């Protein structure tokens, strides 16, 4: 299973989701590879901030040939998570073509909806070559008890081929605090709501029964 985390808009939480998803899958017993395909190398910086080795392998591969090189690497892992590049460019296209499923993080903001259009279009173009390519929105940094937080999912209905997953990641300080230490929320706060949200996301992306059958 190869999961790409992409959005052409920066600052939506791509790396946070990619790192914590990788941690969830590793904690569940999967062999996990996290590919940093973003020239900003945020996932690699997270790995470097750690005192101990992570429970999964982290490599940098911000290359337009990513989609051709990933299959050989993926043979050694149960799950590959790609932290993709922002902006619509050849790196984003390569990450999409390499993926079985693309997650598009979006914050409850009209700007994020507008920006998502280009990412969705890239995915549609990629389906010419990868007809079984799946995609889904992940609502990130949702602020509870606000009108836009409640109604935002309906704004994504304009993209019928890219549903919003039935989980929202709430705006929580623990995500930033964990990242500063080079930790995932499962490591720093395993019983937190943030950890439960991430586990739910991991289950929706790659359910246990599919992992066992793979």
N, C-alpha and C. Protein backbone atom coordinates (compact mmCIF):
# COMPACT_ATOMS: atom_id res chain seq x y z
N UNK A 1 0.85 -1.19 0.00
CA UNK A 1 0.00 0.00 0.00
C UNK A 1 0.89 1.25 0.00
N UNK A 2 0.68 2.13 -0.96
CA UNK A 2 1.44 3.37 -1.05
C UNK A 2 0.46 4.53 -0.90
N UNK A 3 0.68 5.33 0.13
CA UNK A 3 -0.21 6.44 0.45
C UNK A 3 0.53 7.75 0.23
N UNK A 4 0.04 8.58 -0.67
CA UNK A 4 0.61 9.90 -0.88
C UNK A 4 -0.18 10.94 -0.10
N UNK A 5 0.52 11.87 0.55
CA UNK A 5 -0.14 12.96 1.28
C UNK A 5 0.25 14.25 0.56
N UNK A 6 -0.70 14.86 -0.14
CA UNK A 6 -0.38 15.99 -1.00
C UNK A 6 -1.45 17.08 -0.97
N UNK A 7 -0.99 18.29 -1.16
CA UNK A 7 -1.86 19.41 -1.44
C UNK A 7 -0.99 20.50 -2.01
N UNK A 8 -1.43 21.15 -3.08
CA UNK A 8 -0.59 22.16 -3.70
C UNK A 8 -0.45 23.40 -2.80
N UNK A 9 -1.32 23.54 -1.81
CA UNK A 9 -1.23 24.66 -0.86
C UNK A 9 -0.33 24.26 0.30
N UNK A 10 0.63 25.07 0.63
CA UNK A 10 1.51 24.78 1.76
C UNK A 10 0.83 25.07 3.10
N UNK A 11 1.41 24.55 4.16
CA UNK A 11 0.93 24.85 5.50
C UNK A 11 -0.36 24.18 5.91
N UNK A 12 -0.71 23.08 5.25
CA UNK A 12 -1.98 22.41 5.58
C UNK A 12 -1.78 21.21 6.51
N UNK A 13 -0.53 20.91 6.86
CA UNK A 13 -0.28 19.81 7.78
C UNK A 13 0.09 18.50 7.12
N UNK A 14 0.64 18.56 5.90
CA UNK A 14 1.02 17.34 5.18
C UNK A 14 1.99 16.48 5.99
N UNK A 15 3.07 17.11 6.44
CA UNK A 15 4.11 16.34 7.13
C UNK A 15 3.59 15.78 8.45
N UNK A 16 2.80 16.57 9.17
CA UNK A 16 2.23 16.08 10.43
C UNK A 16 1.41 14.83 10.21
N UNK A 17 0.59 14.84 9.17
CA UNK A 17 -0.25 13.67 8.87
C UNK A 17 0.62 12.51 8.40
N UNK A 18 1.57 12.77 7.53
CA UNK A 18 2.41 11.69 7.00
C UNK A 18 3.20 11.01 8.11
N UNK A 19 3.83 11.79 8.96
CA UNK A 19 4.64 11.24 10.05
C UNK A 19 3.78 10.43 11.02
N UNK A 20 2.63 10.98 11.39
CA UNK A 20 1.80 10.29 12.37
C UNK A 20 1.10 9.07 11.78
N UNK A 21 0.77 9.12 10.50
CA UNK A 21 0.23 7.91 9.85
C UNK A 21 1.28 6.81 9.84
N UNK A 22 2.51 7.17 9.47
CA UNK A 22 3.60 6.18 9.46
C UNK A 22 3.77 5.57 10.84
N UNK A 23 3.68 6.40 11.87
CA UNK A 23 3.82 5.91 13.25
C UNK A 23 2.69 4.94 13.60
N UNK A 24 1.46 5.26 13.18
CA UNK A 24 0.32 4.38 13.45
C UNK A 24 0.51 3.01 12.82
N UNK A 25 0.91 3.01 11.56
CA UNK A 25 1.09 1.74 10.87
C UNK A 25 2.24 0.93 11.49
N UNK A 26 3.32 1.62 11.88
CA UNK A 26 4.45 0.93 12.50
C UNK A 26 4.05 0.34 13.84
N UNK A 27 3.28 1.09 14.63
CA UNK A 27 2.84 0.60 15.93
C UNK A 27 1.92 -0.62 15.77
N UNK A 28 1.22 -0.68 14.64
CA UNK A 28 0.32 -1.82 14.38
C UNK A 28 1.08 -3.04 13.86
N UNK A 29 2.40 -2.91 13.74
CA UNK A 29 3.21 -4.05 13.33
C UNK A 29 3.58 -4.09 11.86
N UNK A 30 3.28 -3.04 11.12
CA UNK A 30 3.62 -3.00 9.70
C UNK A 30 5.07 -2.56 9.50
N UNK A 31 5.66 -3.03 8.41
CA UNK A 31 6.97 -2.52 7.98
C UNK A 31 6.67 -1.27 7.16
N UNK A 32 7.20 -0.13 7.63
CA UNK A 32 6.78 1.16 7.07
C UNK A 32 7.98 1.95 6.55
N UNK A 33 7.78 2.55 5.38
CA UNK A 33 8.76 3.47 4.80
C UNK A 33 8.08 4.82 4.64
N UNK A 34 8.70 5.87 5.18
CA UNK A 34 8.23 7.23 4.99
C UNK A 34 9.16 7.92 3.99
N UNK A 35 8.61 8.34 2.87
CA UNK A 35 9.39 8.98 1.82
C UNK A 35 9.15 10.49 1.87
N UNK A 36 10.20 11.25 2.12
CA UNK A 36 10.10 12.70 2.11
C UNK A 36 10.35 13.16 0.67
N UNK A 37 9.27 13.49 -0.03
CA UNK A 37 9.37 13.92 -1.43
C UNK A 37 9.19 15.42 -1.57
N UNK A 38 9.34 16.13 -0.46
CA UNK A 38 9.21 17.59 -0.44
C UNK A 38 10.60 18.21 -0.37
N UNK A 39 10.96 19.12 -1.28
CA UNK A 39 12.28 19.75 -1.21
C UNK A 39 12.57 20.45 0.12
N UNK A 40 11.50 20.82 0.85
CA UNK A 40 11.71 21.45 2.16
C UNK A 40 12.20 20.45 3.19
N UNK A 41 12.05 19.16 2.92
CA UNK A 41 12.58 18.07 3.75
C UNK A 41 12.13 18.13 5.21
N UNK A 42 10.86 18.43 5.44
CA UNK A 42 10.36 18.53 6.81
C UNK A 42 10.34 17.19 7.54
N UNK A 43 10.01 16.12 6.83
CA UNK A 43 9.99 14.80 7.47
C UNK A 43 11.40 14.36 7.86
N UNK A 44 12.37 14.66 7.01
CA UNK A 44 13.76 14.35 7.36
C UNK A 44 14.21 15.17 8.56
N UNK A 45 13.78 16.44 8.63
CA UNK A 45 14.13 17.28 9.77
C UNK A 45 13.51 16.72 11.05
N UNK A 46 12.27 16.23 10.94
CA UNK A 46 11.62 15.58 12.09
C UNK A 46 12.43 14.38 12.56
N UNK A 47 12.86 13.56 11.62
CA UNK A 47 13.65 12.38 11.96
C UNK A 47 14.97 12.76 12.63
N UNK A 48 15.59 13.84 12.15
CA UNK A 48 16.87 14.28 12.71
C UNK A 48 16.72 14.84 14.12
N UNK A 49 15.52 15.32 14.46
CA UNK A 49 15.29 15.89 15.79
C UNK A 49 15.12 14.83 16.87
N UNK A 50 14.99 13.58 16.47
CA UNK A 50 14.76 12.51 17.44
C UNK A 50 16.03 12.12 18.17
N UNK A 51 15.84 11.63 19.39
CA UNK A 51 16.97 11.07 20.14
C UNK A 51 17.16 9.60 19.79
N UNK A 52 16.06 8.92 19.49
CA UNK A 52 16.13 7.49 19.14
C UNK A 52 15.68 7.30 17.70
N UNK A 53 16.06 6.17 17.12
CA UNK A 53 15.64 5.86 15.76
C UNK A 53 14.11 5.68 15.73
N UNK A 54 13.45 6.16 14.70
CA UNK A 54 12.00 5.95 14.61
C UNK A 54 11.69 4.48 14.34
N UNK A 55 10.44 4.12 14.53
CA UNK A 55 10.00 2.74 14.32
C UNK A 55 9.80 2.43 12.85
N UNK A 56 10.14 3.36 11.98
CA UNK A 56 10.01 3.17 10.54
C UNK A 56 11.17 3.88 9.86
N UNK A 57 11.40 3.52 8.62
CA UNK A 57 12.50 4.09 7.85
C UNK A 57 12.07 5.40 7.20
N UNK A 58 12.94 6.40 7.25
CA UNK A 58 12.66 7.69 6.61
C UNK A 58 13.75 7.96 5.58
N UNK A 59 13.34 8.23 4.34
CA UNK A 59 14.31 8.54 3.28
C UNK A 59 13.85 9.79 2.54
N UNK A 60 14.81 10.49 1.97
CA UNK A 60 14.50 11.65 1.14
C UNK A 60 14.51 11.25 -0.33
N UNK A 61 13.48 11.68 -1.06
CA UNK A 61 13.42 11.34 -2.48
C UNK A 61 12.57 12.37 -3.21
N UNK A 62 13.02 13.62 -3.20
CA UNK A 62 12.31 14.68 -3.91
C UNK A 62 12.77 14.68 -5.36
N UNK A 63 12.29 13.68 -6.10
CA UNK A 63 12.76 13.45 -7.47
C UNK A 63 11.57 13.25 -8.41
N UNK A 64 11.63 13.81 -9.59
CA UNK A 64 10.54 13.61 -10.55
C UNK A 64 10.44 12.18 -11.07
N UNK A 65 11.43 11.36 -10.74
CA UNK A 65 11.40 9.94 -11.14
C UNK A 65 10.87 9.06 -10.01
N UNK A 66 10.32 9.68 -8.99
CA UNK A 66 9.83 8.96 -7.81
C UNK A 66 8.92 7.79 -8.17
N UNK A 67 7.99 8.03 -9.09
CA UNK A 67 7.00 6.99 -9.43
C UNK A 67 7.64 5.77 -10.08
N UNK A 68 8.82 5.95 -10.67
CA UNK A 68 9.50 4.82 -11.28
C UNK A 68 10.39 4.08 -10.28
N UNK A 69 10.83 4.78 -9.23
CA UNK A 69 11.74 4.18 -8.26
C UNK A 69 11.06 3.56 -7.05
N UNK A 70 9.87 4.07 -6.73
CA UNK A 70 9.16 3.59 -5.54
C UNK A 70 8.79 2.11 -5.59
N UNK A 71 8.31 1.57 -6.73
CA UNK A 71 7.89 0.16 -6.71
C UNK A 71 8.95 -0.80 -6.22
N UNK A 72 10.20 -0.60 -6.59
CA UNK A 72 11.26 -1.50 -6.14
C UNK A 72 11.47 -1.38 -4.64
N UNK A 73 11.39 -0.16 -4.11
CA UNK A 73 11.52 0.04 -2.66
C UNK A 73 10.34 -0.54 -1.91
N UNK A 74 9.15 -0.36 -2.46
CA UNK A 74 7.93 -0.77 -1.76
C UNK A 74 7.85 -2.26 -1.51
N UNK A 75 8.57 -3.06 -2.29
CA UNK A 75 8.54 -4.52 -2.12
C UNK A 75 8.99 -4.95 -0.74
N UNK A 76 9.80 -4.13 -0.08
CA UNK A 76 10.34 -4.48 1.23
C UNK A 76 9.48 -3.98 2.40
N UNK A 77 8.34 -3.35 2.09
CA UNK A 77 7.52 -2.75 3.13
C UNK A 77 6.05 -3.09 2.94
N UNK A 78 5.31 -3.02 4.05
CA UNK A 78 3.86 -3.22 3.98
C UNK A 78 3.16 -1.94 3.58
N UNK A 79 3.70 -0.81 4.07
CA UNK A 79 3.11 0.50 3.81
C UNK A 79 4.21 1.49 3.47
N UNK A 80 3.98 2.27 2.42
CA UNK A 80 4.86 3.39 2.10
C UNK A 80 4.01 4.66 2.19
N UNK A 81 4.48 5.63 2.96
CA UNK A 81 3.79 6.92 3.08
C UNK A 81 4.68 7.97 2.42
N UNK A 82 4.12 8.73 1.48
CA UNK A 82 4.88 9.76 0.78
C UNK A 82 4.43 11.13 1.26
N UNK A 83 5.36 11.89 1.81
CA UNK A 83 5.09 13.29 2.16
C UNK A 83 5.42 14.11 0.93
N UNK A 84 4.38 14.48 0.18
CA UNK A 84 4.56 15.08 -1.13
C UNK A 84 4.90 16.56 -1.10
N UNK A 85 5.29 17.06 -2.26
CA UNK A 85 5.68 18.46 -2.39
C UNK A 85 4.44 19.35 -2.55
N UNK A 86 4.50 20.58 -2.01
CA UNK A 86 3.43 21.54 -2.30
C UNK A 86 3.60 22.07 -3.73
N UNK A 87 2.57 22.71 -4.20
CA UNK A 87 2.56 23.30 -5.54
C UNK A 87 2.43 22.21 -6.62
N UNK A 88 1.72 22.57 -7.64
CA UNK A 88 1.51 21.65 -8.76
C UNK A 88 2.75 21.68 -9.64
N UNK A 89 3.51 20.62 -9.58
CA UNK A 89 4.73 20.54 -10.39
C UNK A 89 5.05 19.07 -10.66
N UNK A 90 6.19 18.81 -11.28
CA UNK A 90 6.53 17.44 -11.65
C UNK A 90 6.75 16.55 -10.44
N UNK A 91 7.16 17.13 -9.30
CA UNK A 91 7.34 16.32 -8.09
C UNK A 91 5.98 15.85 -7.56
N UNK A 92 4.99 16.75 -7.58
CA UNK A 92 3.65 16.36 -7.13
C UNK A 92 3.07 15.30 -8.06
N UNK A 93 3.25 15.47 -9.35
CA UNK A 93 2.74 14.48 -10.31
C UNK A 93 3.38 13.11 -10.09
N UNK A 94 4.68 13.10 -9.84
CA UNK A 94 5.38 11.84 -9.61
C UNK A 94 4.87 11.15 -8.35
N UNK A 95 4.63 11.93 -7.29
CA UNK A 95 4.12 11.35 -6.04
C UNK A 95 2.73 10.77 -6.23
N UNK A 96 1.90 11.46 -7.00
CA UNK A 96 0.55 10.95 -7.27
C UNK A 96 0.60 9.65 -8.07
N UNK A 97 1.43 9.63 -9.10
CA UNK A 97 1.55 8.43 -9.93
C UNK A 97 2.13 7.25 -9.15
N UNK A 98 2.90 7.53 -8.11
CA UNK A 98 3.49 6.46 -7.31
C UNK A 98 2.50 5.86 -6.32
N UNK A 99 1.39 6.54 -6.06
CA UNK A 99 0.49 6.19 -4.96
C UNK A 99 -0.65 5.27 -5.37
N UNK A 100 -1.10 4.49 -4.39
CA UNK A 100 -2.35 3.74 -4.53
C UNK A 100 -3.52 4.58 -4.05
N UNK A 101 -3.23 5.44 -3.07
CA UNK A 101 -4.25 6.34 -2.52
C UNK A 101 -3.59 7.68 -2.21
N UNK A 102 -4.27 8.76 -2.56
CA UNK A 102 -3.77 10.10 -2.27
C UNK A 102 -4.68 10.77 -1.24
N UNK A 103 -4.10 11.22 -0.15
CA UNK A 103 -4.81 11.98 0.86
C UNK A 103 -4.53 13.46 0.63
N UNK A 104 -5.58 14.27 0.66
CA UNK A 104 -5.44 15.71 0.48
C UNK A 104 -5.84 16.40 1.78
N UNK A 105 -4.86 16.84 2.59
CA UNK A 105 -5.21 17.56 3.81
C UNK A 105 -5.79 18.93 3.47
N UNK A 106 -6.90 19.28 4.11
CA UNK A 106 -7.51 20.59 3.93
C UNK A 106 -7.93 21.14 5.29
N UNK A 107 -7.70 22.42 5.48
CA UNK A 107 -8.15 23.09 6.69
C UNK A 107 -9.51 23.73 6.41
N UNK A 108 -10.33 23.91 7.44
CA UNK A 108 -11.65 24.53 7.23
C UNK A 108 -11.51 25.99 6.82
N UNK A 109 -11.27 26.19 5.55
CA UNK A 109 -11.07 27.52 5.00
C UNK A 109 -11.44 27.51 3.53
N UNK A 110 -12.09 28.55 3.04
CA UNK A 110 -12.39 28.59 1.59
C UNK A 110 -11.14 28.58 0.74
N UNK A 111 -10.04 29.11 1.27
CA UNK A 111 -8.79 29.11 0.52
C UNK A 111 -8.33 27.68 0.23
N UNK A 112 -8.52 26.80 1.21
CA UNK A 112 -8.11 25.41 1.04
C UNK A 112 -8.98 24.70 0.00
N UNK A 113 -10.27 25.04 -0.02
CA UNK A 113 -11.16 24.44 -1.03
C UNK A 113 -10.73 24.89 -2.42
N UNK A 114 -10.44 26.16 -2.57
CA UNK A 114 -10.03 26.66 -3.89
C UNK A 114 -8.72 26.00 -4.33
N UNK A 115 -7.78 25.89 -3.39
CA UNK A 115 -6.48 25.31 -3.73
C UNK A 115 -6.59 23.83 -4.06
N UNK A 116 -7.55 23.15 -3.43
CA UNK A 116 -7.70 21.70 -3.64
C UNK A 116 -8.09 21.37 -5.07
N UNK A 117 -8.68 22.31 -5.76
CA UNK A 117 -9.13 22.06 -7.13
C UNK A 117 -7.99 21.58 -8.02
N UNK A 118 -6.84 22.21 -7.90
CA UNK A 118 -5.70 21.84 -8.74
C UNK A 118 -5.17 20.45 -8.40
N UNK A 119 -5.15 20.13 -7.10
CA UNK A 119 -4.68 18.81 -6.70
C UNK A 119 -5.63 17.72 -7.20
N UNK A 120 -6.92 17.97 -7.07
CA UNK A 120 -7.92 17.01 -7.56
C UNK A 120 -7.77 16.82 -9.07
N UNK A 121 -7.50 17.90 -9.79
CA UNK A 121 -7.34 17.80 -11.24
C UNK A 121 -6.13 16.96 -11.60
N UNK A 122 -5.04 17.11 -10.85
CA UNK A 122 -3.85 16.28 -11.08
C UNK A 122 -4.17 14.80 -10.88
N UNK A 123 -4.96 14.51 -9.87
CA UNK A 123 -5.34 13.12 -9.59
C UNK A 123 -6.19 12.57 -10.72
N UNK A 124 -7.10 13.39 -11.22
CA UNK A 124 -7.95 12.95 -12.34
C UNK A 124 -7.09 12.65 -13.57
N UNK A 125 -6.10 13.48 -13.81
CA UNK A 125 -5.21 13.24 -14.95
C UNK A 125 -4.41 11.95 -14.75
N UNK A 126 -3.99 11.71 -13.49
CA UNK A 126 -3.20 10.51 -13.20
C UNK A 126 -4.01 9.23 -13.41
N UNK A 127 -5.33 9.32 -13.28
CA UNK A 127 -6.19 8.13 -13.44
C UNK A 127 -6.20 7.63 -14.88
N UNK A 128 -5.71 8.42 -15.80
CA UNK A 128 -5.57 7.94 -17.17
C UNK A 128 -4.58 6.77 -17.20
N UNK A 129 -3.57 6.86 -16.33
CA UNK A 129 -2.53 5.83 -16.24
C UNK A 129 -2.77 4.88 -15.07
N UNK A 130 -3.42 5.38 -14.01
CA UNK A 130 -3.67 4.58 -12.80
C UNK A 130 -5.17 4.60 -12.53
N UNK A 131 -5.93 3.79 -13.24
CA UNK A 131 -7.39 3.89 -13.15
C UNK A 131 -7.94 3.52 -11.79
N UNK A 132 -7.17 2.76 -10.99
CA UNK A 132 -7.64 2.38 -9.66
C UNK A 132 -7.14 3.31 -8.56
N UNK A 133 -6.53 4.43 -8.95
CA UNK A 133 -6.02 5.38 -7.97
C UNK A 133 -7.17 5.97 -7.16
N UNK A 134 -7.05 5.87 -5.84
CA UNK A 134 -8.08 6.41 -4.94
C UNK A 134 -7.60 7.74 -4.35
N UNK A 135 -8.55 8.54 -3.92
CA UNK A 135 -8.21 9.81 -3.29
C UNK A 135 -9.26 10.17 -2.26
N UNK A 136 -8.86 10.97 -1.28
CA UNK A 136 -9.80 11.39 -0.23
C UNK A 136 -9.26 12.64 0.45
N UNK A 137 -10.17 13.47 0.93
CA UNK A 137 -9.79 14.62 1.73
C UNK A 137 -9.66 14.22 3.19
N UNK A 138 -8.72 14.86 3.88
CA UNK A 138 -8.60 14.74 5.33
C UNK A 138 -8.76 16.14 5.91
N UNK A 139 -9.82 16.36 6.65
CA UNK A 139 -10.02 17.67 7.28
C UNK A 139 -9.08 17.78 8.46
N UNK A 140 -8.21 18.78 8.42
CA UNK A 140 -7.15 18.94 9.41
C UNK A 140 -7.29 20.28 10.13
N UNK A 141 -6.83 20.30 11.37
CA UNK A 141 -6.84 21.53 12.19
C UNK A 141 -8.24 22.13 12.31
N UNK A 142 -9.21 21.25 12.43
CA UNK A 142 -10.58 21.70 12.63
C UNK A 142 -10.72 22.34 14.01
N UNK A 143 -11.41 23.45 14.07
CA UNK A 143 -11.67 24.12 15.34
C UNK A 143 -13.07 23.76 15.77
N UNK A 144 -13.19 23.15 16.92
CA UNK A 144 -14.50 22.67 17.37
C UNK A 144 -15.43 23.83 17.73
N UNK A 145 -16.72 23.54 17.66
CA UNK A 145 -17.76 24.49 18.05
C UNK A 145 -17.75 25.77 17.23
N UNK A 146 -17.41 25.64 15.96
CA UNK A 146 -17.50 26.78 15.05
C UNK A 146 -18.34 26.39 13.85
N UNK A 147 -19.00 27.38 13.26
CA UNK A 147 -19.88 27.09 12.12
C UNK A 147 -19.10 26.53 10.95
N UNK A 148 -17.94 27.12 10.65
CA UNK A 148 -17.17 26.63 9.51
C UNK A 148 -16.63 25.23 9.77
N UNK A 149 -16.34 24.93 11.05
CA UNK A 149 -15.90 23.58 11.39
C UNK A 149 -16.99 22.56 11.16
N UNK A 150 -18.24 22.94 11.45
CA UNK A 150 -19.37 22.03 11.28
C UNK A 150 -19.74 21.85 9.81
N UNK A 151 -19.67 22.93 9.04
CA UNK A 151 -20.22 22.92 7.69
C UNK A 151 -19.19 22.68 6.60
N UNK A 152 -17.92 22.59 6.96
CA UNK A 152 -16.87 22.57 5.95
C UNK A 152 -16.95 21.34 5.04
N UNK A 153 -17.28 20.19 5.61
CA UNK A 153 -17.31 18.96 4.81
C UNK A 153 -18.24 19.10 3.61
N UNK A 154 -19.35 19.82 3.78
CA UNK A 154 -20.29 19.99 2.67
C UNK A 154 -19.70 20.82 1.54
N UNK A 155 -18.73 21.67 1.85
CA UNK A 155 -18.07 22.48 0.82
C UNK A 155 -17.23 21.62 -0.11
N UNK A 156 -16.88 20.43 0.36
CA UNK A 156 -16.07 19.52 -0.46
C UNK A 156 -16.92 18.63 -1.36
N UNK A 157 -18.24 18.76 -1.25
CA UNK A 157 -19.13 17.94 -2.08
C UNK A 157 -18.99 18.24 -3.56
N UNK A 158 -18.37 19.37 -3.88
CA UNK A 158 -18.18 19.71 -5.30
C UNK A 158 -17.16 18.79 -5.98
N UNK A 159 -16.48 17.96 -5.17
CA UNK A 159 -15.52 17.00 -5.71
C UNK A 159 -16.04 15.59 -5.46
N UNK A 160 -17.02 15.13 -6.24
CA UNK A 160 -17.67 13.84 -5.96
C UNK A 160 -16.74 12.64 -6.06
N UNK A 161 -15.65 12.76 -6.81
CA UNK A 161 -14.72 11.63 -6.94
C UNK A 161 -13.65 11.63 -5.86
N UNK A 162 -13.72 12.60 -4.94
CA UNK A 162 -12.76 12.67 -3.83
C UNK A 162 -13.53 12.95 -2.54
N UNK A 163 -13.97 11.91 -1.84
CA UNK A 163 -14.77 12.11 -0.63
C UNK A 163 -13.92 12.58 0.54
N UNK A 164 -14.57 13.13 1.53
CA UNK A 164 -13.89 13.48 2.79
C UNK A 164 -14.00 12.28 3.73
N UNK A 165 -12.88 11.85 4.28
CA UNK A 165 -12.90 10.72 5.19
C UNK A 165 -13.67 11.07 6.46
N UNK A 166 -14.26 10.04 7.05
CA UNK A 166 -15.13 10.23 8.21
C UNK A 166 -14.31 10.36 9.50
N UNK A 167 -13.40 11.29 9.49
CA UNK A 167 -12.64 11.63 10.69
C UNK A 167 -12.09 13.03 10.47
N UNK A 168 -12.06 13.83 11.51
CA UNK A 168 -11.47 15.17 11.42
C UNK A 168 -10.38 15.29 12.48
N UNK A 169 -9.26 15.83 12.07
CA UNK A 169 -8.16 16.05 13.00
C UNK A 169 -8.33 17.45 13.60
N UNK A 170 -8.52 17.48 14.91
CA UNK A 170 -8.81 18.74 15.60
C UNK A 170 -7.53 19.53 15.82
N UNK A 171 -7.65 20.85 15.82
CA UNK A 171 -6.52 21.71 16.12
C UNK A 171 -6.07 21.44 17.55
N UNK A 172 -4.86 20.89 17.72
CA UNK A 172 -4.36 20.54 19.05
C UNK A 172 -2.88 20.89 19.15
N UNK A 173 -2.50 21.42 20.30
CA UNK A 173 -1.11 21.83 20.53
C UNK A 173 -0.17 20.63 20.52
N UNK A 174 -0.69 19.46 20.90
CA UNK A 174 0.16 18.27 21.03
C UNK A 174 0.84 17.90 19.73
N UNK A 175 0.24 18.22 18.59
CA UNK A 175 0.88 17.90 17.31
C UNK A 175 2.18 18.67 17.15
N UNK A 176 2.16 19.97 17.46
CA UNK A 176 3.37 20.78 17.34
C UNK A 176 4.38 20.41 18.42
N UNK A 177 3.91 20.16 19.62
CA UNK A 177 4.82 19.80 20.72
C UNK A 177 5.53 18.48 20.41
N UNK A 178 4.81 17.53 19.87
CA UNK A 178 5.41 16.24 19.52
C UNK A 178 6.44 16.40 18.42
N UNK A 179 6.09 17.16 17.39
CA UNK A 179 6.99 17.35 16.26
C UNK A 179 8.29 18.00 16.70
N UNK A 180 8.22 18.95 17.63
CA UNK A 180 9.42 19.65 18.09
C UNK A 180 10.42 18.70 18.74
N UNK A 181 9.91 17.59 19.27
CA UNK A 181 10.76 16.59 19.92
C UNK A 181 11.13 15.45 18.97
N UNK A 182 10.65 15.53 17.73
CA UNK A 182 10.89 14.43 16.80
C UNK A 182 10.08 13.20 17.17
N UNK A 183 8.90 13.42 17.71
CA UNK A 183 8.02 12.31 18.13
C UNK A 183 6.70 12.38 17.38
N UNK A 184 6.02 11.26 17.34
CA UNK A 184 4.64 11.24 16.88
C UNK A 184 3.74 11.41 18.10
N UNK A 185 2.46 11.70 17.87
CA UNK A 185 1.56 11.84 19.02
C UNK A 185 1.34 10.48 19.69
N UNK A 186 1.51 9.39 18.97
CA UNK A 186 1.37 8.07 19.58
C UNK A 186 2.50 7.81 20.57
N UNK A 187 3.65 8.44 20.33
CA UNK A 187 4.78 8.27 21.25
C UNK A 187 4.68 9.23 22.43
N UNK A 188 4.34 10.49 22.14
CA UNK A 188 4.36 11.50 23.21
C UNK A 188 3.09 11.49 24.06
N UNK A 189 1.97 11.11 23.46
CA UNK A 189 0.70 11.13 24.19
C UNK A 189 -0.19 10.01 23.68
N UNK A 190 0.18 8.76 23.98
CA UNK A 190 -0.51 7.61 23.40
C UNK A 190 -1.99 7.49 23.76
N UNK A 191 -2.41 8.10 24.87
CA UNK A 191 -3.81 8.00 25.28
C UNK A 191 -4.60 9.26 24.96
N UNK A 192 -4.02 10.14 24.18
CA UNK A 192 -4.65 11.42 23.88
C UNK A 192 -5.71 11.29 22.80
N UNK A 193 -6.56 12.30 22.70
CA UNK A 193 -7.54 12.35 21.62
C UNK A 193 -6.84 12.42 20.27
N UNK A 194 -5.71 13.11 20.22
CA UNK A 194 -4.96 13.21 18.96
C UNK A 194 -4.52 11.83 18.49
N UNK A 195 -4.03 11.01 19.40
CA UNK A 195 -3.60 9.66 19.05
C UNK A 195 -4.78 8.83 18.55
N UNK A 196 -5.94 8.99 19.20
CA UNK A 196 -7.13 8.25 18.78
C UNK A 196 -7.58 8.69 17.38
N UNK A 197 -7.50 9.99 17.11
CA UNK A 197 -7.88 10.49 15.79
C UNK A 197 -6.97 9.90 14.71
N UNK A 198 -5.69 9.88 14.99
CA UNK A 198 -4.74 9.37 14.01
C UNK A 198 -4.93 7.88 13.77
N UNK A 199 -5.22 7.13 14.82
CA UNK A 199 -5.46 5.70 14.65
C UNK A 199 -6.71 5.46 13.80
N UNK A 200 -7.72 6.30 14.01
CA UNK A 200 -8.94 6.20 13.22
C UNK A 200 -8.64 6.50 11.75
N UNK A 201 -7.82 7.53 11.51
CA UNK A 201 -7.45 7.87 10.14
C UNK A 201 -6.70 6.71 9.49
N UNK A 202 -5.76 6.12 10.21
CA UNK A 202 -4.98 5.00 9.68
C UNK A 202 -5.88 3.83 9.32
N UNK A 203 -6.89 3.58 10.14
CA UNK A 203 -7.81 2.48 9.89
C UNK A 203 -8.65 2.74 8.64
N UNK A 204 -9.03 3.99 8.42
CA UNK A 204 -9.81 4.32 7.23
C UNK A 204 -8.97 4.24 5.97
N UNK A 205 -7.71 4.62 6.09
CA UNK A 205 -6.82 4.62 4.92
C UNK A 205 -6.42 3.21 4.51
N UNK A 206 -6.06 2.40 5.50
CA UNK A 206 -5.60 1.03 5.23
C UNK A 206 -6.11 0.13 6.34
N UNK A 207 -7.35 -0.36 6.20
CA UNK A 207 -7.98 -1.15 7.27
C UNK A 207 -7.19 -2.41 7.63
N UNK A 208 -7.38 -2.85 8.85
CA UNK A 208 -6.63 -4.03 9.36
C UNK A 208 -6.82 -5.25 8.47
N UNK A 209 -8.05 -5.48 8.02
CA UNK A 209 -8.29 -6.69 7.23
C UNK A 209 -7.55 -6.64 5.90
N UNK A 210 -7.36 -5.45 5.36
CA UNK A 210 -6.59 -5.32 4.12
C UNK A 210 -5.10 -5.53 4.39
N UNK A 211 -4.62 -5.05 5.53
CA UNK A 211 -3.21 -5.24 5.88
C UNK A 211 -2.90 -6.73 6.03
N UNK A 212 -3.82 -7.42 6.68
CA UNK A 212 -3.60 -8.86 6.93
C UNK A 212 -3.66 -9.66 5.63
N UNK A 213 -4.48 -9.19 4.69
CA UNK A 213 -4.62 -9.91 3.42
C UNK A 213 -3.49 -9.60 2.44
N UNK A 214 -2.79 -8.47 2.69
CA UNK A 214 -1.75 -8.05 1.75
C UNK A 214 -0.54 -8.97 1.80
